[in-house]
């Protein structure tokens, strides 16, 4: 059995898409680390670098995989791929 991957979501204080992504991840019962980029410019720069230049939030990473934003996360869920990715299988 594979360990569950580390999940990181870069977000900002008021962001509707961040709230939706948070709710979807919480509904899956997984723990994740949320990094507020509007509170720390160093973290914002890390997000931009790690995401290949994307500056919008949320930016979601599951393990080493850059999922993208909420729409990408939602599409994975609708395609039935998110649960597998979250389980680390």
N, C-alpha and C. Protein backbone atom coordinates (compact mmCIF):
# COMPACT_ATOMS: atom_id res chain seq x y z
N UNK A 1 0.85 -1.19 0.00
CA UNK A 1 0.00 0.00 0.00
C UNK A 1 0.88 1.24 0.00
N UNK A 2 0.52 2.22 -0.78
CA UNK A 2 1.28 3.45 -0.91
C UNK A 2 0.80 4.47 0.10
N UNK A 3 1.73 5.23 0.66
CA UNK A 3 1.35 6.30 1.57
C UNK A 3 0.63 7.40 0.79
N UNK A 4 -0.29 8.07 1.47
CA UNK A 4 -1.00 9.18 0.84
C UNK A 4 -0.01 10.29 0.53
N UNK A 5 -0.16 10.93 -0.61
CA UNK A 5 0.77 11.99 -1.00
C UNK A 5 0.55 13.27 -0.19
N UNK A 6 1.58 14.08 -0.13
CA UNK A 6 1.49 15.40 0.48
C UNK A 6 0.66 16.29 -0.44
N UNK A 7 -0.33 16.96 0.11
CA UNK A 7 -1.20 17.83 -0.69
C UNK A 7 -0.98 19.26 -0.23
N UNK A 8 -0.69 20.13 -1.19
CA UNK A 8 -0.45 21.54 -0.89
C UNK A 8 -1.36 22.38 -1.77
N UNK A 9 -2.03 23.35 -1.15
CA UNK A 9 -2.85 24.29 -1.90
C UNK A 9 -2.38 25.70 -1.57
N UNK A 10 -1.92 26.40 -2.58
CA UNK A 10 -1.58 27.82 -2.43
C UNK A 10 -2.87 28.59 -2.64
N UNK A 11 -3.15 29.53 -1.74
CA UNK A 11 -4.42 30.26 -1.80
C UNK A 11 -4.22 31.70 -1.35
N UNK A 12 -5.31 32.43 -1.35
CA UNK A 12 -5.30 33.79 -0.79
C UNK A 12 -6.51 33.95 0.11
N UNK A 13 -6.51 35.01 0.89
CA UNK A 13 -7.54 35.22 1.90
C UNK A 13 -8.97 35.16 1.39
N UNK A 14 -9.26 35.92 0.34
CA UNK A 14 -10.61 35.88 -0.20
C UNK A 14 -10.54 35.45 -1.64
N UNK A 15 -10.92 34.22 -1.86
CA UNK A 15 -10.85 33.64 -3.20
C UNK A 15 -11.93 32.57 -3.28
N UNK A 16 -12.93 32.81 -4.09
CA UNK A 16 -14.03 31.86 -4.22
C UNK A 16 -13.58 30.49 -4.72
N UNK A 17 -12.65 30.48 -5.67
CA UNK A 17 -12.16 29.21 -6.20
C UNK A 17 -11.34 28.46 -5.14
N UNK A 18 -10.65 29.22 -4.28
CA UNK A 18 -9.90 28.59 -3.19
C UNK A 18 -10.88 27.91 -2.22
N UNK A 19 -11.97 28.60 -1.92
CA UNK A 19 -12.98 28.03 -1.02
C UNK A 19 -13.58 26.76 -1.61
N UNK A 20 -13.82 26.76 -2.91
CA UNK A 20 -14.37 25.56 -3.56
C UNK A 20 -13.37 24.41 -3.54
N UNK A 21 -12.11 24.72 -3.81
CA UNK A 21 -11.08 23.68 -3.78
C UNK A 21 -10.93 23.12 -2.38
N UNK A 22 -10.93 24.00 -1.38
CA UNK A 22 -10.83 23.59 0.02
C UNK A 22 -11.99 22.65 0.36
N UNK A 23 -13.21 23.04 -0.03
CA UNK A 23 -14.39 22.23 0.27
C UNK A 23 -14.32 20.86 -0.41
N UNK A 24 -13.84 20.82 -1.64
CA UNK A 24 -13.74 19.54 -2.35
C UNK A 24 -12.72 18.63 -1.67
N UNK A 25 -11.56 19.19 -1.32
CA UNK A 25 -10.55 18.38 -0.64
C UNK A 25 -11.05 17.90 0.72
N UNK A 26 -11.74 18.79 1.46
CA UNK A 26 -12.28 18.39 2.76
C UNK A 26 -13.34 17.31 2.61
N UNK A 27 -14.13 17.37 1.55
CA UNK A 27 -15.17 16.35 1.33
C UNK A 27 -14.55 14.98 1.06
N UNK A 28 -13.31 14.97 0.59
CA UNK A 28 -12.60 13.73 0.34
C UNK A 28 -11.95 13.17 1.61
N UNK A 29 -11.98 13.95 2.69
CA UNK A 29 -11.43 13.49 3.96
C UNK A 29 -9.92 13.43 4.00
N UNK A 30 -9.26 14.21 3.15
CA UNK A 30 -7.80 14.21 3.13
C UNK A 30 -7.28 15.44 3.86
N UNK A 31 -6.10 15.30 4.43
CA UNK A 31 -5.47 16.46 5.05
C UNK A 31 -4.58 17.12 4.00
N UNK A 32 -4.52 18.43 4.07
CA UNK A 32 -3.72 19.19 3.13
C UNK A 32 -3.18 20.43 3.83
N UNK A 33 -2.12 20.93 3.27
CA UNK A 33 -1.49 22.13 3.81
C UNK A 33 -1.89 23.29 2.91
N UNK A 34 -2.39 24.35 3.51
CA UNK A 34 -2.80 25.53 2.76
C UNK A 34 -1.81 26.65 3.04
N UNK A 35 -1.28 27.21 1.98
CA UNK A 35 -0.30 28.30 2.10
C UNK A 35 -0.93 29.55 1.52
N UNK A 36 -1.10 30.56 2.37
CA UNK A 36 -1.72 31.82 1.94
C UNK A 36 -0.66 32.73 1.33
N UNK A 37 -0.70 32.88 0.03
CA UNK A 37 0.33 33.65 -0.66
C UNK A 37 0.15 35.15 -0.51
N UNK A 38 -1.02 35.60 -0.10
CA UNK A 38 -1.21 37.04 0.10
C UNK A 38 -0.61 37.49 1.43
N UNK A 39 -0.21 36.55 2.25
CA UNK A 39 0.41 36.88 3.54
C UNK A 39 1.92 36.76 3.53
N UNK A 40 2.47 36.16 2.47
CA UNK A 40 3.90 35.91 2.41
C UNK A 40 4.38 35.94 0.96
N UNK A 41 5.07 37.01 0.59
CA UNK A 41 5.52 37.17 -0.79
C UNK A 41 6.54 36.10 -1.19
N UNK A 42 7.30 35.60 -0.23
CA UNK A 42 8.25 34.52 -0.52
C UNK A 42 7.50 33.27 -0.97
N UNK A 43 6.39 32.98 -0.30
CA UNK A 43 5.57 31.82 -0.68
C UNK A 43 4.91 32.05 -2.04
N UNK A 44 4.51 33.28 -2.33
CA UNK A 44 3.93 33.58 -3.65
C UNK A 44 4.95 33.28 -4.74
N UNK A 45 6.18 33.72 -4.53
CA UNK A 45 7.22 33.47 -5.52
C UNK A 45 7.50 31.97 -5.66
N UNK A 46 7.46 31.26 -4.54
CA UNK A 46 7.65 29.80 -4.59
C UNK A 46 6.53 29.15 -5.40
N UNK A 47 5.29 29.63 -5.22
CA UNK A 47 4.16 29.10 -5.97
C UNK A 47 4.34 29.33 -7.46
N UNK A 48 4.71 30.56 -7.83
CA UNK A 48 4.90 30.89 -9.24
C UNK A 48 5.98 30.02 -9.86
N UNK A 49 7.07 29.85 -9.13
CA UNK A 49 8.17 29.03 -9.63
C UNK A 49 7.76 27.57 -9.75
N UNK A 50 7.11 27.06 -8.72
CA UNK A 50 6.73 25.64 -8.69
C UNK A 50 5.66 25.31 -9.72
N UNK A 51 4.80 26.28 -10.04
CA UNK A 51 3.69 26.03 -10.96
C UNK A 51 4.02 26.37 -12.41
N UNK A 52 5.27 26.69 -12.67
CA UNK A 52 5.66 26.99 -14.04
C UNK A 52 5.21 28.36 -14.51
N UNK A 53 5.08 29.31 -13.58
CA UNK A 53 4.74 30.68 -13.95
C UNK A 53 3.31 31.10 -13.67
N UNK A 54 2.49 30.21 -13.20
CA UNK A 54 1.09 30.58 -12.90
C UNK A 54 1.04 31.48 -11.68
N UNK A 55 0.25 32.53 -11.78
CA UNK A 55 0.16 33.52 -10.71
C UNK A 55 -1.21 33.54 -10.02
N UNK A 56 -2.16 32.80 -10.54
CA UNK A 56 -3.50 32.80 -9.96
C UNK A 56 -3.61 31.73 -8.88
N UNK A 57 -4.55 31.93 -7.98
CA UNK A 57 -4.82 30.95 -6.93
C UNK A 57 -6.22 30.40 -7.13
N UNK A 58 -6.45 29.18 -6.69
CA UNK A 58 -5.49 28.30 -6.04
C UNK A 58 -4.57 27.62 -7.05
N UNK A 59 -3.44 27.19 -6.54
CA UNK A 59 -2.54 26.29 -7.27
C UNK A 59 -2.40 25.08 -6.35
N UNK A 60 -2.74 23.92 -6.87
CA UNK A 60 -2.83 22.71 -6.06
C UNK A 60 -1.80 21.68 -6.54
N UNK A 61 -1.13 21.11 -5.57
CA UNK A 61 -0.14 20.06 -5.83
C UNK A 61 -0.51 18.83 -5.02
N UNK A 62 -0.50 17.68 -5.67
CA UNK A 62 -0.72 16.41 -4.99
C UNK A 62 0.54 15.60 -5.21
N UNK A 63 1.31 15.42 -4.14
CA UNK A 63 2.63 14.83 -4.29
C UNK A 63 3.47 15.75 -5.17
N UNK A 64 4.13 15.19 -6.14
CA UNK A 64 4.95 15.99 -7.06
C UNK A 64 4.15 16.50 -8.25
N UNK A 65 2.90 16.14 -8.34
CA UNK A 65 2.07 16.52 -9.50
C UNK A 65 1.42 17.88 -9.28
N UNK A 66 1.60 18.76 -10.24
CA UNK A 66 0.91 20.04 -10.24
C UNK A 66 -0.45 19.82 -10.89
N UNK A 67 -1.49 19.88 -10.09
CA UNK A 67 -2.84 19.66 -10.58
C UNK A 67 -3.34 20.90 -11.32
N UNK A 68 -3.04 22.07 -10.78
CA UNK A 68 -3.52 23.33 -11.36
C UNK A 68 -4.46 24.00 -10.39
N UNK A 69 -5.51 24.60 -10.92
CA UNK A 69 -6.48 25.33 -10.10
C UNK A 69 -7.71 24.50 -9.78
N UNK A 70 -8.75 25.18 -9.30
CA UNK A 70 -9.96 24.48 -8.91
C UNK A 70 -10.60 23.75 -10.09
N UNK A 71 -10.68 24.40 -11.25
CA UNK A 71 -11.31 23.75 -12.40
C UNK A 71 -10.62 22.44 -12.75
N UNK A 72 -9.29 22.43 -12.65
CA UNK A 72 -8.53 21.22 -12.93
C UNK A 72 -8.80 20.14 -11.88
N UNK A 73 -8.87 20.55 -10.62
CA UNK A 73 -9.17 19.61 -9.53
C UNK A 73 -10.56 19.01 -9.71
N UNK A 74 -11.52 19.85 -10.03
CA UNK A 74 -12.90 19.42 -10.24
C UNK A 74 -12.99 18.45 -11.43
N UNK A 75 -12.27 18.76 -12.51
CA UNK A 75 -12.28 17.89 -13.69
C UNK A 75 -11.71 16.51 -13.35
N UNK A 76 -10.65 16.47 -12.54
CA UNK A 76 -10.10 15.19 -12.11
C UNK A 76 -11.13 14.40 -11.32
N UNK A 77 -11.87 15.09 -10.45
CA UNK A 77 -12.89 14.42 -9.64
C UNK A 77 -14.00 13.87 -10.53
N UNK A 78 -14.48 14.67 -11.46
CA UNK A 78 -15.57 14.24 -12.34
C UNK A 78 -15.14 13.08 -13.24
N UNK A 79 -13.86 13.04 -13.60
CA UNK A 79 -13.35 11.96 -14.44
C UNK A 79 -13.05 10.68 -13.64
N UNK A 80 -13.22 10.77 -12.31
CA UNK A 80 -12.99 9.60 -11.46
C UNK A 80 -11.51 9.36 -11.15
N UNK A 81 -10.66 10.34 -11.42
CA UNK A 81 -9.23 10.17 -11.22
C UNK A 81 -8.71 10.76 -9.91
N UNK A 82 -9.47 11.65 -9.28
CA UNK A 82 -8.98 12.33 -8.10
C UNK A 82 -8.78 11.38 -6.92
N UNK A 83 -9.71 10.49 -6.67
CA UNK A 83 -9.59 9.57 -5.53
C UNK A 83 -8.32 8.71 -5.65
N UNK A 84 -8.04 8.23 -6.86
CA UNK A 84 -6.83 7.43 -7.08
C UNK A 84 -5.59 8.26 -6.80
N UNK A 85 -5.59 9.48 -7.30
CA UNK A 85 -4.44 10.37 -7.08
C UNK A 85 -4.26 10.68 -5.61
N UNK A 86 -5.34 10.91 -4.89
CA UNK A 86 -5.27 11.22 -3.47
C UNK A 86 -4.81 10.02 -2.64
N UNK A 87 -5.10 8.83 -3.11
CA UNK A 87 -4.71 7.63 -2.35
C UNK A 87 -3.23 7.28 -2.55
N UNK A 88 -2.62 7.88 -3.57
CA UNK A 88 -1.22 7.60 -3.83
C UNK A 88 -1.01 6.31 -4.60
N UNK A 89 -2.10 5.73 -5.09
CA UNK A 89 -1.99 4.47 -5.85
C UNK A 89 -1.39 4.66 -7.21
